Amino acid sequence: MLDHHVSKRIVKVTKRELGRPISPHLFRHCAATSIAETSPELTRIIRPLLAHTRNTTSERYYNRASVLQASRRHSDAIQTLKAELSAAQLQEGI
């Protein structure tokens, strides 16, 4: 089977089974993104996984770990502020 035929088959089967077509490239993208988001310390394996010739390509497109960490810190700060506000309102009888 030629590469193109394998790709078309994967897209067809994922559409039938999952309700959405998923290309082999999207599988690669999902794997790299998952690694970057859940295990930022393992981002070095993205380059060989995707067969990129340079780390900068992988870093530019897939290493969003610092953005994710910033988002989590921001969310934690918002939750802390909400909890403090609720506690203050309870003390004031609001």
PDB file of N, CA and C in Angstrom:
ATOM      1  N   MET A   1       0.834  -1.170   0.000  1.00  0.00           N
ATOM      2  CA  MET A   1       0.000   0.000   0.000  1.00  0.00           C
ATOM      3  C   MET A   1       0.891   1.249   0.000  1.00  0.00           C
ATOM      4  N   LEU A   2       0.566   2.197  -0.824  1.00  0.00           N
ATOM      5  CA  LEU A   2       1.332   3.439  -0.883  1.00  0.00           C
ATOM      6  C   LEU A   2       0.993   4.343   0.291  1.00  0.00           C
ATOM      7  N   ASP A   3       1.934   5.232   0.628  1.00  0.00           N
ATOM      8  CA  ASP A   3       1.728   6.154   1.756  1.00  0.00           C
ATOM      9  C   ASP A   3       0.407   6.903   1.636  1.00  0.00           C
ATOM     10  N   HIS A   4       0.133   7.389   0.440  1.00  0.00           N
ATOM     11  CA  HIS A   4      -1.087   8.167   0.222  1.00  0.00           C
ATOM     12  C   HIS A   4      -2.331   7.332   0.536  1.00  0.00           C
ATOM     13  N   HIS A   5      -2.304   6.065   0.149  1.00  0.00           N
ATOM     14  CA  HIS A   5      -3.446   5.190   0.409  1.00  0.00           C
ATOM     15  C   HIS A   5      -3.614   4.913   1.903  1.00  0.00           C
ATOM     16  N   VAL A   6      -2.516   4.756   2.602  1.00  0.00           N
ATOM     17  CA  VAL A   6      -2.570   4.538   4.052  1.00  0.00           C
ATOM     18  C   VAL A   6      -3.175   5.761   4.728  1.00  0.00           C
ATOM     19  N   SER A   7      -2.723   6.932   4.311  1.00  0.00           N
ATOM     20  CA  SER A   7      -3.234   8.163   4.886  1.00  0.00           C
ATOM     21  C   SER A   7      -4.738   8.304   4.646  1.00  0.00           C
ATOM     22  N   LYS A   8      -5.162   8.052   3.427  1.00  0.00           N
ATOM     23  CA  LYS A   8      -6.591   8.148   3.108  1.00  0.00           C
ATOM     24  C   LYS A   8      -7.405   7.152   3.923  1.00  0.00           C
ATOM     25  N   ARG A   9      -6.854   5.967   4.111  1.00  0.00           N
ATOM     26  CA  ARG A   9      -7.551   4.933   4.881  1.00  0.00           C
ATOM     27  C   ARG A   9      -7.689   5.348   6.349  1.00  0.00           C
ATOM     28  N   ILE A  10      -6.626   5.898   6.917  1.00  0.00           N
ATOM     29  CA  ILE A  10      -6.664   6.357   8.307  1.00  0.00           C
ATOM     30  C   ILE A  10      -7.732   7.434   8.472  1.00  0.00           C
ATOM     31  N   VAL A  11      -7.765   8.384   7.550  1.00  0.00           N
ATOM     32  CA  VAL A  11      -8.758   9.459   7.600  1.00  0.00           C
ATOM     33  C   VAL A  11     -10.171   8.877   7.518  1.00  0.00           C
ATOM     34  N   LYS A  12     -10.363   7.932   6.621  1.00  0.00           N
ATOM     35  CA  LYS A  12     -11.687   7.317   6.442  1.00  0.00           C
ATOM     36  C   LYS A  12     -12.125   6.554   7.700  1.00  0.00           C
ATOM     37  N   VAL A  13     -11.239   5.764   8.252  1.00  0.00           N
ATOM     38  CA  VAL A  13     -11.572   4.961   9.430  1.00  0.00           C
ATOM     39  C   VAL A  13     -11.821   5.843  10.653  1.00  0.00           C
ATOM     40  N   THR A  14     -10.993   6.862  10.861  1.00  0.00           N
ATOM     41  CA  THR A  14     -11.205   7.720  12.029  1.00  0.00           C
ATOM     42  C   THR A  14     -12.510   8.509  11.900  1.00  0.00           C
ATOM     43  N   LYS A  15     -12.850   8.898  10.686  1.00  0.00           N
ATOM     44  CA  LYS A  15     -14.132   9.594  10.502  1.00  0.00           C
ATOM     45  C   LYS A  15     -15.294   8.665  10.836  1.00  0.00           C
ATOM     46  N   ARG A  16     -15.199   7.428  10.369  1.00  0.00           N
ATOM     47  CA  ARG A  16     -16.263   6.455  10.637  1.00  0.00           C
ATOM     48  C   ARG A  16     -16.355   6.114  12.120  1.00  0.00           C
ATOM     49  N   GLU A  17     -15.226   5.882  12.764  1.00  0.00           N
ATOM     50  CA  GLU A  17     -15.209   5.416  14.153  1.00  0.00           C
ATOM     51  C   GLU A  17     -15.324   6.530  15.185  1.00  0.00           C
ATOM     52  N   LEU A  18     -14.786   7.703  14.869  1.00  0.00           N
ATOM     53  CA  LEU A  18     -14.747   8.788  15.844  1.00  0.00           C
ATOM     54  C   LEU A  18     -15.649   9.963  15.481  1.00  0.00           C
ATOM     55  N   GLY A  19     -16.181   9.919  14.268  1.00  0.00           N
ATOM     56  CA  GLY A  19     -17.040  11.004  13.823  1.00  0.00           C
ATOM     57  C   GLY A  19     -16.272  12.207  13.311  1.00  0.00           C
ATOM     58  N   ARG A  20     -14.968  12.096  13.265  1.00  0.00           N
ATOM     59  CA  ARG A  20     -14.120  13.183  12.778  1.00  0.00           C
ATOM     60  C   ARG A  20     -12.909  12.598  12.070  1.00  0.00           C
ATOM     61  N   PRO A  21     -12.607  13.093  10.898  1.00  0.00           N
ATOM     62  CA  PRO A  21     -11.421  12.568  10.214  1.00  0.00           C
ATOM     63  C   PRO A  21     -10.140  13.059  10.877  1.00  0.00           C
ATOM     64  N   ILE A  22      -9.215  12.148  11.110  1.00  0.00           N
ATOM     65  CA  ILE A  22      -7.929  12.507  11.704  1.00  0.00           C
ATOM     66  C   ILE A  22      -6.829  11.990  10.781  1.00  0.00           C
ATOM     67  N   SER A  23      -6.021  12.907  10.309  1.00  0.00           N
ATOM     68  CA  SER A  23      -4.934  12.552   9.400  1.00  0.00           C
ATOM     69  C   SER A  23      -3.714  12.085  10.190  1.00  0.00           C
ATOM     70  N   PRO A  24      -2.811  11.362   9.547  1.00  0.00           N
ATOM     71  CA  PRO A  24      -1.573  10.973  10.236  1.00  0.00           C
ATOM     72  C   PRO A  24      -0.810  12.195  10.757  1.00  0.00           C
ATOM     73  N   HIS A  25      -0.835  13.293  10.014  1.00  0.00           N
ATOM     74  CA  HIS A  25      -0.150  14.499  10.474  1.00  0.00           C
ATOM     75  C   HIS A  25      -0.780  15.009  11.768  1.00  0.00           C
ATOM     76  N   LEU A  26      -2.096  14.942  11.865  1.00  0.00           N
ATOM     77  CA  LEU A  26      -2.764  15.391  13.090  1.00  0.00           C
ATOM     78  C   LEU A  26      -2.419  14.476  14.262  1.00  0.00           C
ATOM     79  N   PHE A  27      -2.275  13.175  14.017  1.00  0.00           N
ATOM     80  CA  PHE A  27      -1.831  12.265  15.076  1.00  0.00           C
ATOM     81  C   PHE A  27      -0.464  12.706  15.596  1.00  0.00           C
ATOM     82  N   ARG A  28       0.444  13.052  14.679  1.00  0.00           N
ATOM     83  CA  ARG A  28       1.781  13.516  15.061  1.00  0.00           C
ATOM     84  C   ARG A  28       1.681  14.798  15.886  1.00  0.00           C
ATOM     85  N   HIS A  29       0.856  15.708  15.413  1.00  0.00           N
ATOM     86  CA  HIS A  29       0.673  16.980  16.103  1.00  0.00           C
ATOM     87  C   HIS A  29       0.123  16.746  17.518  1.00  0.00           C
ATOM     88  N   CYS A  30      -0.863  15.870  17.621  1.00  0.00           N
ATOM     89  CA  CYS A  30      -1.456  15.556  18.930  1.00  0.00           C
ATOM     90  C   CYS A  30      -0.416  14.958  19.877  1.00  0.00           C
ATOM     91  N   ALA A  31       0.390  14.056  19.366  1.00  0.00           N
ATOM     92  CA  ALA A  31       1.422  13.424  20.202  1.00  0.00           C
ATOM     93  C   ALA A  31       2.415  14.468  20.703  1.00  0.00           C
ATOM     94  N   ALA A  32       2.878  15.322  19.812  1.00  0.00           N
ATOM     95  CA  ALA A  32       3.852  16.340  20.201  1.00  0.00           C
ATOM     96  C   ALA A  32       3.248  17.329  21.189  1.00  0.00           C
ATOM     97  N   THR A  33       2.036  17.755  20.942  1.00  0.00           N
ATOM     98  CA  THR A  33       1.372  18.696  21.841  1.00  0.00           C
ATOM     99  C   THR A  33       1.147  18.068  23.213  1.00  0.00           C
ATOM    100  N   SER A  34       0.725  16.813  23.230  1.00  0.00           N
ATOM    101  CA  SER A  34       0.505  16.118  24.505  1.00  0.00           C
ATOM    102  C   SER A  34       1.793  16.020  25.311  1.00  0.00           C
ATOM    103  N   ILE A  35       2.879  15.700  24.646  1.00  0.00           N
ATOM    104  CA  ILE A  35       4.169  15.618  25.337  1.00  0.00           C
ATOM    105  C   ILE A  35       4.532  16.984  25.907  1.00  0.00           C
ATOM    106  N   ALA A  36       4.400  18.028  25.104  1.00  0.00           N
ATOM    107  CA  ALA A  36       4.777  19.369  25.537  1.00  0.00           C
ATOM    108  C   ALA A  36       3.930  19.837  26.713  1.00  0.00           C
ATOM    109  N   GLU A  37       2.653  19.488  26.707  1.00  0.00           N
ATOM    110  CA  GLU A  37       1.758  19.972  27.749  1.00  0.00           C
ATOM    111  C   GLU A  37       1.793  19.130  29.021  1.00  0.00           C
ATOM    112  N   THR A  38       1.928  17.823  28.891  1.00  0.00           N
ATOM    113  CA  THR A  38       1.857  16.979  30.086  1.00  0.00           C
ATOM    114  C   THR A  38       3.215  16.638  30.675  1.00  0.00           C
ATOM    115  N   SER A  39       4.254  16.654  29.845  1.00  0.00           N
ATOM    116  CA  SER A  39       5.593  16.311  30.323  1.00  0.00           C
ATOM    117  C   SER A  39       6.626  17.242  29.695  1.00  0.00           C
ATOM    118  N   PRO A  40       6.607  18.517  30.065  1.00  0.00           N
ATOM    119  CA  PRO A  40       7.521  19.470  29.438  1.00  0.00           C
ATOM    120  C   PRO A  40       8.990  19.065  29.511  1.00  0.00           C
ATOM    121  N   GLU A  41       9.336  18.284  30.526  1.00  0.00           N
ATOM    122  CA  GLU A  41      10.730  17.833  30.642  1.00  0.00           C
ATOM    123  C   GLU A  41      11.113  16.855  29.540  1.00  0.00           C
ATOM    124  N   LEU A  42      10.136  16.330  28.812  1.00  0.00           N
ATOM    125  CA  LEU A  42      10.406  15.380  27.731  1.00  0.00           C
ATOM    126  C   LEU A  42      10.305  15.994  26.345  1.00  0.00           C
ATOM    127  N   THR A  43      10.253  17.308  26.250  1.00  0.00           N
ATOM    128  CA  THR A  43      10.093  17.930  24.937  1.00  0.00           C
ATOM    129  C   THR A  43      11.235  17.592  23.988  1.00  0.00           C
ATOM    130  N   ARG A  44      12.365  17.174  24.519  1.00  0.00           N
ATOM    131  CA  ARG A  44      13.491  16.819  23.652  1.00  0.00           C
ATOM    132  C   ARG A  44      13.179  15.617  22.755  1.00  0.00           C
ATOM    133  N   ILE A  45      12.170  14.816  23.103  1.00  0.00           N
ATOM    134  CA  ILE A  45      11.849  13.650  22.263  1.00  0.00           C
ATOM    135  C   ILE A  45      10.930  14.015  21.101  1.00  0.00           C
ATOM    136  N   ILE A  46      10.433  15.247  21.078  1.00  0.00           N
ATOM    137  CA  ILE A  46       9.535  15.649  19.991  1.00  0.00           C
ATOM    138  C   ILE A  46      10.266  15.677  18.654  1.00  0.00           C
ATOM    139  N   ARG A  47      11.470  16.235  18.628  1.00  0.00           N
ATOM    140  CA  ARG A  47      12.218  16.329  17.367  1.00  0.00           C
ATOM    141  C   ARG A  47      12.394  14.972  16.699  1.00  0.00           C
ATOM    142  N   PRO A  48      12.925  13.955  17.391  1.00  0.00           N
ATOM    143  CA  PRO A  48      13.062  12.661  16.716  1.00  0.00           C
ATOM    144  C   PRO A  48      11.708  12.003  16.402  1.00  0.00           C
ATOM    145  N   LEU A  49      10.723  12.226  17.262  1.00  0.00           N
ATOM    146  CA  LEU A  49       9.398  11.658  17.009  1.00  0.00           C
ATOM    147  C   LEU A  49       8.827  12.168  15.697  1.00  0.00           C
ATOM    148  N   LEU A  50       9.015  13.454  15.441  1.00  0.00           N
ATOM    149  CA  LEU A  50       8.470  14.057  14.229  1.00  0.00           C
ATOM    150  C   LEU A  50       9.464  14.086  13.082  1.00  0.00           C
ATOM    151  N   ALA A  51      10.644  13.592  13.317  1.00  0.00           N
ATOM    152  CA  ALA A  51      11.711  13.553  12.305  1.00  0.00           C
ATOM    153  C   ALA A  51      12.088  14.949  11.817  1.00  0.00           C
ATOM    154  N   HIS A  52      12.064  15.915  12.743  1.00  0.00           N
ATOM    155  CA  HIS A  52      12.530  17.251  12.393  1.00  0.00           C
ATOM    156  C   HIS A  52      14.048  17.241  12.394  1.00  0.00           C
ATOM    157  N   THR A  53      14.633  18.049  11.536  1.00  0.00           N
ATOM    158  CA  THR A  53      16.090  18.094  11.480  1.00  0.00           C
ATOM    159  C   THR A  53      16.686  19.001  12.557  1.00  0.00           C
ATOM    160  N   ARG A  54      15.881  19.968  13.032  1.00  0.00           N
ATOM    161  CA  ARG A  54      16.382  20.897  14.050  1.00  0.00           C
ATOM    162  C   ARG A  54      15.415  20.968  15.225  1.00  0.00           C
ATOM    163  N   ASN A  55      15.967  21.157  16.407  1.00  0.00           N
ATOM    164  CA  ASN A  55      15.138  21.323  17.605  1.00  0.00           C
ATOM    165  C   ASN A  55      14.285  22.574  17.536  1.00  0.00           C
ATOM    166  N   THR A  56      14.776  23.598  16.839  1.00  0.00           N
ATOM    167  CA  THR A  56      14.033  24.864  16.791  1.00  0.00           C
ATOM    168  C   THR A  56      12.663  24.681  16.145  1.00  0.00           C
ATOM    169  N   THR A  57      12.546  23.784  15.189  1.00  0.00           N
ATOM    170  CA  THR A  57      11.249  23.536  14.555  1.00  0.00           C
ATOM    171  C   THR A  57      10.274  22.981  15.577  1.00  0.00           C
ATOM    172  N   SER A  58      10.698  21.992  16.319  1.00  0.00           N
ATOM    173  CA  SER A  58       9.840  21.399  17.343  1.00  0.00           C
ATOM    174  C   SER A  58       9.496  22.416  18.418  1.00  0.00           C
ATOM    175  N   GLU A  59      10.478  23.169  18.858  1.00  0.00           N
ATOM    176  CA  GLU A  59      10.252  24.168  19.901  1.00  0.00           C
ATOM    177  C   GLU A  59       9.235  25.212  19.444  1.00  0.00           C
ATOM    178  N   ARG A  60       9.388  25.689  18.223  1.00  0.00           N
ATOM    179  CA  ARG A  60       8.528  26.760  17.725  1.00  0.00           C
ATOM    180  C   ARG A  60       7.071  26.324  17.649  1.00  0.00           C
ATOM    181  N   TYR A  61       6.828  25.099  17.212  1.00  0.00           N
ATOM    182  CA  TYR A  61       5.455  24.670  16.969  1.00  0.00           C
ATOM    183  C   TYR A  61       4.814  23.881  18.098  1.00  0.00           C
ATOM    184  N   TYR A  62       5.600  23.230  18.920  1.00  0.00           N
ATOM    185  CA  TYR A  62       5.005  22.308  19.879  1.00  0.00           C
ATOM    186  C   TYR A  62       5.305  22.574  21.335  1.00  0.00           C
ATOM    187  N   ASN A  63       6.364  23.262  21.661  1.00  0.00           N
ATOM    188  CA  ASN A  63       6.675  23.446  23.074  1.00  0.00           C
ATOM    189  C   ASN A  63       5.922  24.650  23.611  1.00  0.00           C
ATOM    190  N   ARG A  64       4.725  24.390  24.094  1.00  0.00           N
ATOM    191  CA  ARG A  64       3.886  25.427  24.673  1.00  0.00           C
ATOM    192  C   ARG A  64       3.834  25.296  26.185  1.00  0.00           C
ATOM    193  N   ALA A  65       4.785  24.569  26.719  1.00  0.00           N
ATOM    194  CA  ALA A  65       4.768  24.284  28.155  1.00  0.00           C
ATOM    195  C   ALA A  65       4.800  25.560  28.982  1.00  0.00           C
ATOM    196  N   SER A  66       5.617  26.552  28.604  1.00  0.00           N
ATOM    197  CA  SER A  66       5.693  27.769  29.399  1.00  0.00           C
ATOM    198  C   SER A  66       4.376  28.539  29.346  1.00  0.00           C
ATOM    199  N   VAL A  67       3.696  28.514  28.219  1.00  0.00           N
ATOM    200  CA  VAL A  67       2.391  29.164  28.108  1.00  0.00           C
ATOM    201  C   VAL A  67       1.377  28.434  28.980  1.00  0.00           C
ATOM    202  N   LEU A  68       1.412  27.125  28.966  1.00  0.00           N
ATOM    203  CA  LEU A  68       0.501  26.338  29.785  1.00  0.00           C
ATOM    204  C   LEU A  68       0.756  26.592  31.269  1.00  0.00           C
ATOM    205  N   GLN A  69       2.009  26.625  31.672  1.00  0.00           N
ATOM    206  CA  GLN A  69       2.334  26.882  33.072  1.00  0.00           C
ATOM    207  C   GLN A  69       1.859  28.274  33.490  1.00  0.00           C
ATOM    208  N   ALA A  70       2.042  29.258  32.622  1.00  0.00           N
ATOM    209  CA  ALA A  70       1.576  30.616  32.932  1.00  0.00           C
ATOM    210  C   ALA A  70       0.064  30.644  33.063  1.00  0.00           C
ATOM    211  N   SER A  71      -0.613  29.926  32.193  1.00  0.00           N
ATOM    212  CA  SER A  71      -2.074  29.867  32.254  1.00  0.00           C
ATOM    213  C   SER A  71      -2.542  29.228  33.561  1.00  0.00           C
ATOM    214  N   ARG A  72      -1.871  28.170  33.980  1.00  0.00           N
ATOM    215  CA  ARG A  72      -2.235  27.512  35.244  1.00  0.00           C
ATOM    216  C   ARG A  72      -2.000  28.435  36.437  1.00  0.00           C
ATOM    217  N   ARG A  73      -0.883  29.165  36.429  1.00  0.00           N
ATOM    218  CA  ARG A  73      -0.599  30.104  37.524  1.00  0.00           C
ATOM    219  C   ARG A  73      -1.658  31.204  37.554  1.00  0.00           C
ATOM    220  N   HIS A  74      -2.039  31.683  36.394  1.00  0.00           N
ATOM    221  CA  HIS A  74      -3.068  32.724  36.304  1.00  0.00           C
ATOM    222  C   HIS A  74      -4.389  32.191  36.857  1.00  0.00           C
ATOM    223  N   SER A  75      -4.758  30.987  36.462  1.00  0.00           N
ATOM    224  CA  SER A  75      -5.997  30.379  36.949  1.00  0.00           C
ATOM    225  C   SER A  75      -5.957  30.195  38.462  1.00  0.00           C
ATOM    226  N   ASP A  76      -4.837  29.747  38.987  1.00  0.00           N
ATOM    227  CA  ASP A  76      -4.685  29.582  40.439  1.00  0.00           C
ATOM    228  C   ASP A  76      -4.838  30.922  41.163  1.00  0.00           C
ATOM    229  N   ALA A  77      -4.257  31.976  40.592  1.00  0.00           N
ATOM    230  CA  ALA A  77      -4.360  33.298  41.211  1.00  0.00           C
ATOM    231  C   ALA A  77      -5.809  33.771  41.229  1.00  0.00           C
ATOM    232  N   ILE A  78      -6.535  33.538  40.144  1.00  0.00           N
ATOM    233  CA  ILE A  78      -7.952  33.928  40.077  1.00  0.00           C
ATOM    234  C   ILE A  78      -8.754  33.162  41.134  1.00  0.00           C
ATOM    235  N   GLN A  79      -8.500  31.858  41.254  1.00  0.00           N
ATOM    236  CA  GLN A  79      -9.216  31.045  42.236  1.00  0.00           C
ATOM    237  C   GLN A  79      -8.919  31.517  43.666  1.00  0.00           C
ATOM    238  N   THR A  80      -7.682  31.882  43.929  1.00  0.00           N
ATOM    239  CA  THR A  80      -7.305  32.391  45.246  1.00  0.00           C
ATOM    240  C   THR A  80      -8.041  33.693  45.541  1.00  0.00           C
ATOM    241  N   LEU A  81      -8.072  34.591  44.558  1.00  0.00           N
ATOM    242  CA  LEU A  81      -8.782  35.857  44.742  1.00  0.00           C
ATOM    243  C   LEU A  81     -10.276  35.637  44.977  1.00  0.00           C
ATOM    244  N   LYS A  82     -10.880  34.714  44.250  1.00  0.00           N
ATOM    245  CA  LYS A  82     -12.303  34.401  44.447  1.00  0.00           C
ATOM    246  C   LYS A  82     -12.550  33.868  45.861  1.00  0.00           C
ATOM    247  N   ALA A  83     -11.677  32.976  46.313  1.00  0.00           N
ATOM    248  CA  ALA A  83     -11.832  32.411  47.655  1.00  0.00           C
ATOM    249  C   ALA A  83     -11.680  33.498  48.714  1.00  0.00           C
ATOM    250  N   GLU A  84     -10.711  34.385  48.534  1.00  0.00           N
ATOM    251  CA  GLU A  84     -10.516  35.472  49.492  1.00  0.00           C
ATOM    252  C   GLU A  84     -11.719  36.413  49.501  1.00  0.00           C
ATOM    253  N   LEU A  85     -12.254  36.704  48.335  1.00  0.00           N
ATOM    254  CA  LEU A  85     -13.447  37.565  48.243  1.00  0.00           C
ATOM    255  C   LEU A  85     -14.646  36.927  48.924  1.00  0.00           C
ATOM    256  N   SER A  86     -14.840  35.646  48.680  1.00  0.00           N
ATOM    257  CA  SER A  86     -15.956  34.928  49.322  1.00  0.00           C
ATOM    258  C   SER A  86     -15.808  34.943  50.843  1.00  0.00           C
ATOM    259  N   ALA A  87     -14.593  34.710  51.317  1.00  0.00           N
ATOM    260  CA  ALA A  87     -14.349  34.700  52.765  1.00  0.00           C
ATOM    261  C   ALA A  87     -14.616  36.096  53.355  1.00  0.00           C
ATOM    262  N   ALA A  88     -14.198  37.137  52.649  1.00  0.00           N
ATOM    263  CA  ALA A  88     -14.416  38.507  53.130  1.00  0.00           C
ATOM    264  C   ALA A  88     -15.907  38.842  53.151  1.00  0.00           C
ATOM    265  N   GLN A  89     -16.623  38.380  52.131  1.00  0.00           N
ATOM    266  CA  GLN A  89     -18.064  38.640  52.082  1.00  0.00           C
ATOM    267  C   GLN A  89     -18.788  37.905  53.201  1.00  0.00           C
ATOM    268  N   LEU A  90     -18.358  36.701  53.519  1.00  0.00           N
ATOM    269  CA  LEU A  90     -18.968  35.962  54.631  1.00  0.00           C
ATOM    270  C   LEU A  90     -18.740  36.681  55.953  1.00  0.00           C
ATOM    271  N   GLN A  91     -17.545  37.205  56.144  1.00  0.00           N
ATOM    272  CA  GLN A  91     -17.237  37.927  57.382  1.00  0.00           C
ATOM    273  C   GLN A  91     -18.072  39.185  57.525  1.00  0.00           C
ATOM    274  N   GLU A  92     -18.365  39.800  56.393  1.00  0.00           N
ATOM    275  CA  GLU A  92     -19.156  41.041  56.426  1.00  0.00           C
ATOM    276  C   GLU A  92     -20.650  40.759  56.422  1.00  0.00           C
ATOM    277  N   GLY A  93     -21.026  39.491  56.261  1.00  0.00           N
ATOM    278  CA  GLY A  93     -22.424  39.112  56.259  1.00  0.00           C
ATOM    279  C   GLY A  93     -23.134  39.429  54.961  1.00  0.00           C
ATOM    280  N   ILE A  94     -22.387  39.517  53.895  1.00  0.00           N
ATOM    281  CA  ILE A  94     -22.990  39.807  52.591  1.00  0.00           C
ATOM    282  C   ILE A  94     -23.531  38.551  51.959  1.00  0.00           C
TER     283      ILE A  94
END
